[in-house]
Structures are given as C-alpha cells and as structure tokens.
C-alpha cells in the first residue's frame, strides 16, 4: 500500500559497456518515474540547449530518494526548483545520476559513461554511507567478524516486497540485539579506514572538474546523533547496523565523522564548493525513513542546505550570471 506495488519498486538493467546496474529507461514503477535517458526525473534533451544551466547529481540511494513520495519530492528536484525560483530569468534543468548501491567508484563510472554526455554546468556529489559499508565490510571479513552478504533474501522475498520487508525487519531486530549483547565488533583506526575513500573521492572530484565548470560536495547526514539517548540512537542507527552488523553506535559515529572529515579536507584541497551543516536535517523519524534515507521533510531540509551553500558561493553566482 505504501509503495504502490507488491513487487520491487526499483527496476534496473545491466549496462553492457560498463557492467553498471542502471535504471531502466522510460520506466514507471509506483511513484518512481525514469526518463528516456535512464535518470530519475523529468525528460530533458541529451544535447543541452543554449542558455540552459544544467545540474547533475551523483550519489547512491540517498540521492535517488526512493523513500520520498514522488519525483518532485527528491532533493535534487527541490534544488532545481529552488534555483529556478531564485533566478527566474535563467533556465535550469537537472540530471539525477544517483543510483541505489553506488559508491564513489560506481559514480565515477556513471559520470564517465552516462552523465558527462549531458554536459552539466555544475556537478553535486553526495557520498559516504555506501563507501563506508564497502570499506568496513572488507576489513571485517579480514578480521573474521563478518562473512557473506549483509542481506540474503529468500526466493519469495525476490518476488514480494511485503515478504522482503518482513525478512529485513526481523534481521534488523536480530542485529540490534547482537549489538546490545556485545558481539564481536570491527577494530579500526579511523584514518586508515577512510584512506581509500579519500583516494576514490578525490578521483571522482578531479574527473568531475574536467567535465563541469563547477563541482560541489556535501558532508553526509544520518539520523543518529550524539545528543540522543542510547535507546534513540540504536533505533535511529537500525539500517546502518543492518548493513554493517559488525559496528556499534560508537564505531558508527567515529567512522562517519572520519568520512565527513575527508569530504571537508578534499573539498578544500581541490578548491570546490563544500556544502556543510549536515545536522541542518533533524535526526528524527519525521525527516528520516531509516538511518540515512530521507522522507519528504528530510529531503526538503537537504535541499535547503544545498541551496544555502550554493547561494553563498561567489563562484556559483558568477557562473549563473555568465550563462
């Protein structure tokens, strides 16, 4: 009832050139509409018309935004709408290049194979959680505290969204109990954990700078906060623990703070726009669907922080005025 479908609400195909899993072009599934170029959002011409300021967004599921009510509630769409309202004499359009499951590595391939063809004027990058999952999973397997996949749905779960959610929620409850009762946890030094993320993010930013006059990167926001009670933190971190069952709350805080530190440092070193204030989005279940994915209210807050960061930036204002 919530998603408008008894089966999966996300339909993808394999790109034979890159091996990437990409959205199926010209498809509609529930509240998610994919345009003819294979991006979630309205139709746009592949060749950018003269006078158009084109925005492109790179990220994973937190940019794709399956949990909001419709395409118009995604934060990339709201950023586009906010800029169009601020600059009524200019014409903007956008490409939502976010795809669930993508890390910086997949986003780089997505940029080079698909997004660059749209000739964007500014590229936004929003990454951390998938990279953190991949990096910690590799380390956890080496330490012997994790094996296999974070989710292993049954054959029925592959055909029924309802059954998939039942399985997933039961698994999440079990993993929360493991955290409470002191299971074996990942051991790491934050600077070593984030080292590969720094390399991948820098590479993505450098390639983005070759494809677009302006690049912006945002620090990552999640629902659990240090000023919450332990009970609220555990509830808010549920999906993070589901995908990283070898982590507890303290380790999650340390890891995400390390990745956000990398984002800030690389943005400064590469001279790109940094979108700060990740806690502008309140850490509650009004704004978050789970640990990291936004509901409509959270998506609006995310768009607000992006717009504020852009409108305060001199390079962005000059770019808009020049087109």
Protein backbone atom coordinates (compact mmCIF):
# COMPACT_ATOMS: atom_id res chain seq x y z
CA UNK A 1 0.00 0.00 0.00
CA UNK A 2 2.80 2.40 0.89
CA UNK A 3 4.82 1.87 -2.28
CA UNK A 4 2.00 1.16 -4.73
CA UNK A 5 3.44 -2.21 -5.70
CA UNK A 6 3.55 -5.78 -4.42
CA UNK A 7 6.89 -6.31 -6.18
CA UNK A 8 10.14 -4.40 -6.27
CA UNK A 9 9.75 -0.64 -6.76
CA UNK A 10 13.18 -0.28 -8.35
CA UNK A 11 13.77 -1.67 -11.83
CA UNK A 12 17.31 -1.81 -13.22
CA UNK A 13 19.16 -3.21 -16.20
CA UNK A 14 22.82 -4.00 -16.79
CA UNK A 15 24.81 -1.58 -18.91
CA UNK A 16 26.82 -3.82 -21.22
CA UNK A 17 29.55 -1.22 -21.74
CA UNK A 18 30.38 -0.64 -18.08
CA UNK A 19 28.72 -3.51 -16.21
CA UNK A 20 26.88 -0.94 -14.11
CA UNK A 21 23.37 -1.58 -12.82
CA UNK A 22 21.41 1.40 -14.18
CA UNK A 23 17.74 2.45 -14.06
CA UNK A 24 15.59 1.11 -16.88
CA UNK A 25 14.90 3.96 -19.29
CA UNK A 26 11.32 5.20 -19.77
CA UNK A 27 10.00 3.10 -16.90
CA UNK A 28 7.49 3.76 -14.16
CA UNK A 29 7.18 1.73 -11.01
CA UNK A 30 4.94 3.07 -8.27
CA UNK A 31 5.97 6.64 -7.51
CA UNK A 32 9.32 6.41 -9.33
CA UNK A 33 9.49 7.68 -12.92
CA UNK A 34 12.59 7.22 -15.08
CA UNK A 35 13.10 9.38 -18.16
CA UNK A 36 14.21 8.20 -21.59
CA UNK A 37 17.89 8.79 -20.71
CA UNK A 38 17.65 6.42 -17.74
CA UNK A 39 17.66 9.04 -14.96
CA UNK A 40 15.03 9.59 -12.29
CA UNK A 41 13.40 12.90 -13.19
CA UNK A 42 11.68 14.82 -15.98
CA UNK A 43 12.53 14.46 -19.63
CA UNK A 44 15.50 16.51 -20.82
CA UNK A 45 17.31 16.52 -24.18
CA UNK A 46 20.67 14.78 -24.19
CA UNK A 47 22.17 17.76 -26.01
CA UNK A 48 21.86 20.72 -23.67
CA UNK A 49 20.01 23.63 -25.33
CA UNK A 50 21.66 27.04 -25.46
CA UNK A 51 21.06 29.12 -22.35
CA UNK A 52 20.23 26.15 -20.10
CA UNK A 53 22.10 25.76 -16.79
CA UNK A 54 22.26 22.02 -16.25
CA UNK A 55 22.69 20.50 -12.78
CA UNK A 56 23.93 16.93 -12.30
CA UNK A 57 23.76 14.94 -9.07
CA UNK A 58 26.00 11.95 -8.32
CA UNK A 59 25.34 9.60 -5.42
CA UNK A 60 23.68 6.44 -4.21
CA UNK A 61 20.22 5.72 -2.86
CA UNK A 62 20.30 8.86 -0.69
CA UNK A 63 20.38 10.89 -3.92
CA UNK A 64 17.98 8.63 -5.83
CA UNK A 65 15.49 9.05 -2.92
CA UNK A 66 13.14 6.05 -3.30
CA UNK A 67 11.61 6.79 0.11
CA UNK A 68 10.06 10.17 -0.76
CA UNK A 69 6.52 10.44 -2.09
CA UNK A 70 7.25 11.24 -5.76
CA UNK A 71 9.91 12.52 -8.16
CA UNK A 72 9.13 16.12 -7.25
CA UNK A 73 9.96 15.42 -3.58
CA UNK A 74 13.55 14.28 -4.23
CA UNK A 75 16.14 16.77 -3.01
CA UNK A 76 17.78 17.10 -6.48
CA UNK A 77 14.41 18.19 -7.88
CA UNK A 78 13.92 20.62 -4.97
CA UNK A 79 17.38 22.13 -5.52
CA UNK A 80 16.47 22.65 -9.18
CA UNK A 81 13.12 24.22 -8.22
CA UNK A 82 14.78 26.47 -5.62
CA UNK A 83 17.36 27.77 -8.08
CA UNK A 84 14.72 28.36 -10.75
CA UNK A 85 12.73 30.40 -8.23
CA UNK A 86 15.79 32.37 -7.13
CA UNK A 87 16.84 33.12 -10.72
CA UNK A 88 13.56 33.45 -12.70
CA UNK A 89 15.35 34.98 -15.68
CA UNK A 90 17.59 31.90 -16.04
CA UNK A 91 16.58 28.42 -17.21
CA UNK A 92 17.75 25.35 -15.29
CA UNK A 93 17.28 21.62 -15.75
CA UNK A 94 18.84 18.65 -13.98
CA UNK A 95 20.09 15.08 -14.14
CA UNK A 96 19.59 12.86 -11.08
CA UNK A 97 22.52 10.48 -11.55
CA UNK A 98 22.04 8.85 -8.17
CA UNK A 99 21.57 5.05 -8.24
CA UNK A 100 20.92 2.81 -5.21
CA UNK A 101 24.02 0.93 -4.10
CA UNK A 102 26.51 3.19 -5.86
CA UNK A 103 29.71 4.21 -4.09
CA UNK A 104 32.17 6.82 -5.36
CA UNK A 105 33.67 4.13 -7.60
CA UNK A 106 30.38 3.39 -9.41
CA UNK A 107 29.56 7.10 -9.57
CA UNK A 108 32.86 7.71 -11.34
CA UNK A 109 31.96 5.09 -13.97
CA UNK A 110 28.45 6.58 -14.17
CA UNK A 111 29.93 10.04 -14.72
CA UNK A 112 32.25 8.91 -17.47
CA UNK A 113 29.77 6.67 -19.29
CA UNK A 114 26.46 8.50 -18.89
CA UNK A 115 26.36 11.80 -17.01
CA UNK A 116 29.15 13.62 -18.86
CA UNK A 117 27.18 13.22 -22.11
CA UNK A 118 24.59 15.64 -20.72
CA UNK A 119 27.25 18.40 -20.45
CA UNK A 120 26.46 19.62 -16.90
CA UNK A 121 27.35 23.12 -15.67
CA UNK A 122 27.61 22.03 -12.04
CA UNK A 123 28.05 18.57 -10.53
CA UNK A 124 26.92 17.71 -7.00
CA UNK A 125 28.45 14.77 -5.13
CA UNK A 126 26.77 13.18 -2.10
CA UNK A 127 28.54 10.04 -0.89
CA UNK A 128 29.72 8.30 2.28
CA UNK A 129 27.46 5.54 3.54
CA UNK A 130 27.95 3.03 0.70
CA UNK A 131 31.69 3.65 0.69
CA UNK A 132 31.78 3.13 4.44
CA UNK A 133 29.80 -0.11 4.11
CA UNK A 134 32.18 -1.45 1.44
CA UNK A 135 35.33 -0.38 3.26
CA UNK A 136 34.28 -1.74 6.65
CA UNK A 137 32.93 -4.97 5.14
CA UNK A 138 36.28 -5.72 3.53
CA UNK A 139 38.06 -5.03 6.82
CA UNK A 140 35.52 -7.02 8.85
CA UNK A 141 35.94 -10.07 6.62
CA UNK A 142 39.72 -9.85 7.01
CA UNK A 143 39.29 -9.75 10.80
CA UNK A 144 36.85 -12.67 10.78
CA UNK A 145 33.94 -10.73 12.32
CA UNK A 146 31.77 -10.86 9.20
CA UNK A 147 31.21 -13.23 6.30
CA UNK A 148 28.75 -13.25 3.44
CA UNK A 149 26.30 -10.57 2.39
CA UNK A 150 24.53 -8.09 4.68
CA UNK A 151 21.21 -9.25 3.25
CA UNK A 152 20.34 -12.66 1.85
CA UNK A 153 16.69 -12.59 0.79
CA UNK A 154 14.79 -15.80 0.16
CA UNK A 155 13.34 -16.60 -3.25
CA UNK A 156 9.94 -15.34 -2.04
CA UNK A 157 11.45 -12.00 -0.99
CA UNK A 158 12.65 -11.50 -4.56
CA UNK A 159 9.02 -11.55 -5.75
CA UNK A 160 7.14 -9.99 -2.85
CA UNK A 161 8.02 -6.58 -1.43
CA UNK A 162 5.94 -7.34 1.67
CA UNK A 163 7.85 -10.54 2.42
CA UNK A 164 11.18 -8.86 1.67
CA UNK A 165 10.36 -6.17 4.26
CA UNK A 166 9.29 -8.75 6.84
CA UNK A 167 12.57 -10.63 6.44
CA UNK A 168 14.61 -7.43 6.52
CA UNK A 169 12.96 -6.07 9.66
CA UNK A 170 13.38 -9.35 11.52
CA UNK A 171 17.04 -9.42 10.55
CA UNK A 172 17.45 -5.83 11.69
CA UNK A 173 15.91 -6.64 15.09
CA UNK A 174 18.28 -9.58 15.49
CA UNK A 175 21.35 -7.48 14.65
CA UNK A 176 20.34 -4.76 17.10
CA UNK A 177 20.16 -7.41 19.82
CA UNK A 178 23.64 -8.58 18.86
CA UNK A 179 24.96 -5.05 19.41
CA UNK A 180 23.28 -4.87 22.82
CA UNK A 181 24.73 -8.20 23.92
CA UNK A 182 28.30 -7.47 22.89
CA UNK A 183 29.04 -9.44 19.73
CA UNK A 184 32.46 -9.31 18.09
CA UNK A 185 32.97 -5.89 16.54
CA UNK A 186 35.25 -4.38 13.94
CA UNK A 187 38.51 -2.87 15.15
CA UNK A 188 39.90 0.04 13.15
CA UNK A 189 41.83 3.29 13.14
CA UNK A 190 39.67 5.98 11.57
CA UNK A 191 42.42 7.48 9.39
CA UNK A 192 43.28 4.06 7.93
CA UNK A 193 39.61 3.18 7.43
CA UNK A 194 38.94 6.37 5.44
CA UNK A 195 42.17 6.25 3.41
CA UNK A 196 40.70 4.52 0.35
CA UNK A 197 37.59 6.72 0.48
CA UNK A 198 39.87 9.77 0.27
CA UNK A 199 41.51 8.39 -2.89
CA UNK A 200 38.20 7.48 -4.55
CA UNK A 201 36.52 10.77 -3.65
CA UNK A 202 39.48 12.79 -4.90
CA UNK A 203 39.46 10.86 -8.19
CA UNK A 204 35.72 11.43 -8.62
CA UNK A 205 36.09 15.14 -7.89
CA UNK A 206 39.04 15.55 -10.24
CA UNK A 207 37.18 13.84 -13.10
CA UNK A 208 34.08 15.91 -12.34
CA UNK A 209 36.15 19.10 -12.60
CA UNK A 210 37.15 18.03 -16.12
CA UNK A 211 33.50 17.63 -17.13
CA UNK A 212 31.93 20.66 -15.46
CA UNK A 213 32.91 24.27 -14.62
CA UNK A 214 31.71 23.86 -11.03
CA UNK A 215 31.71 20.93 -8.61
CA UNK A 216 30.13 20.76 -5.15
CA UNK A 217 30.35 18.08 -2.48
CA UNK A 218 28.17 17.76 0.64
CA UNK A 219 29.01 16.30 4.02
CA UNK A 220 26.88 13.28 4.87
CA UNK A 221 23.87 13.35 7.20
CA UNK A 222 22.40 10.49 9.23
CA UNK A 223 19.58 10.17 11.74
CA UNK A 224 21.52 9.14 14.87
CA UNK A 225 23.15 11.96 16.82
CA UNK A 226 25.48 12.18 19.79
CA UNK A 227 22.98 14.13 21.92
CA UNK A 228 20.31 11.40 21.68
CA UNK A 229 19.64 8.80 24.35
CA UNK A 230 21.20 5.34 23.79
CA UNK A 231 17.75 3.90 23.03
CA UNK A 232 17.02 6.54 20.39
CA UNK A 233 20.49 6.15 18.88
CA UNK A 234 20.04 2.41 18.49
CA UNK A 235 16.67 2.83 16.83
CA UNK A 236 17.96 5.57 14.52
CA UNK A 237 21.01 3.50 13.53
CA UNK A 238 18.95 0.41 12.67
CA UNK A 239 19.57 0.28 8.93
CA UNK A 240 23.26 1.21 9.35
CA UNK A 241 23.67 -1.76 11.71
CA UNK A 242 21.74 -3.95 9.25
CA UNK A 243 24.28 -3.26 6.50
CA UNK A 244 27.25 -3.13 8.90
CA UNK A 245 26.39 -5.71 11.59
CA UNK A 246 29.96 -5.60 12.96
CA UNK A 247 29.55 -1.95 14.05
CA UNK A 248 28.06 -0.41 17.20
CA UNK A 249 26.94 3.18 17.81
CA UNK A 250 30.33 4.47 18.92
CA UNK A 251 32.05 2.95 15.90
CA UNK A 252 29.44 4.39 13.54
CA UNK A 253 29.95 7.88 14.95
CA UNK A 254 33.73 7.58 14.70
CA UNK A 255 33.59 6.25 11.14
CA UNK A 256 31.15 8.80 9.73
CA UNK A 257 32.99 11.65 11.42
CA UNK A 258 36.19 10.41 9.75
CA UNK A 259 34.49 10.26 6.32
CA UNK A 260 32.99 13.73 6.72
CA UNK A 261 36.43 14.99 7.71
CA UNK A 262 37.77 13.56 4.45
CA UNK A 263 34.98 15.29 2.50
CA UNK A 264 35.87 18.64 4.06
CA UNK A 265 39.60 18.23 3.52
CA UNK A 266 39.39 17.03 -0.08
CA UNK A 267 36.92 19.79 -0.98
CA UNK A 268 39.36 22.39 0.34
CA UNK A 269 42.35 20.81 -1.36
CA UNK A 270 40.55 20.59 -4.71
CA UNK A 271 39.06 24.08 -4.47
CA UNK A 272 35.43 23.05 -4.96
CA UNK A 273 32.19 24.12 -3.27
CA UNK A 274 31.64 22.48 0.13
CA UNK A 275 28.08 22.07 1.40
CA UNK A 276 28.31 21.94 5.21
CA UNK A 277 25.81 21.74 8.09
CA UNK A 278 24.77 18.07 7.83
CA UNK A 279 22.84 18.44 11.09
CA UNK A 280 20.54 21.00 9.49
CA UNK A 281 18.36 17.95 8.88
CA UNK A 282 16.84 16.99 12.27
CA UNK A 283 17.71 13.49 13.44
CA UNK A 284 14.21 12.06 13.84
CA UNK A 285 11.78 9.80 12.04
CA UNK A 286 9.87 12.76 10.65
CA UNK A 287 12.84 13.60 8.43
CA UNK A 288 14.49 10.19 8.04
CA UNK A 289 12.96 6.94 6.81
CA UNK A 290 15.85 4.99 8.39
CA UNK A 291 19.47 5.74 9.30
CA UNK A 292 20.29 7.73 6.15
CA UNK A 293 17.37 7.90 3.68
CA UNK A 294 15.12 10.94 3.69
CA UNK A 295 11.38 11.24 3.95
CA UNK A 296 9.80 14.26 2.26
CA UNK A 297 10.61 16.57 5.20
CA UNK A 298 14.24 15.47 5.27
CA UNK A 299 14.56 15.87 1.52
CA UNK A 300 13.33 19.46 1.85
CA UNK A 301 15.91 20.14 4.55
CA UNK A 302 18.65 18.59 2.43
CA UNK A 303 17.67 20.85 -0.47
CA UNK A 304 17.71 23.86 1.88
CA UNK A 305 21.30 23.22 2.96
CA UNK A 306 22.44 22.68 -0.63
CA UNK A 307 20.74 25.86 -1.81
CA UNK A 308 22.18 27.86 1.07
CA UNK A 309 25.68 26.61 0.31
CA UNK A 310 25.35 27.44 -3.38
CA UNK A 311 23.82 30.88 -2.97
CA UNK A 312 26.57 31.91 -0.54
CA UNK A 313 29.28 30.91 -3.02
CA UNK A 314 30.74 33.61 -5.27
CA UNK A 315 31.88 31.15 -7.97
CA UNK A 316 28.37 29.75 -8.28
CA UNK A 317 26.78 33.18 -8.56
CA UNK A 318 29.27 34.23 -11.23
CA UNK A 319 28.63 31.03 -13.19
CA UNK A 320 24.87 31.59 -13.18
CA UNK A 321 25.24 35.20 -14.25
CA UNK A 322 27.64 34.25 -17.06
CA UNK A 323 25.24 31.87 -18.83
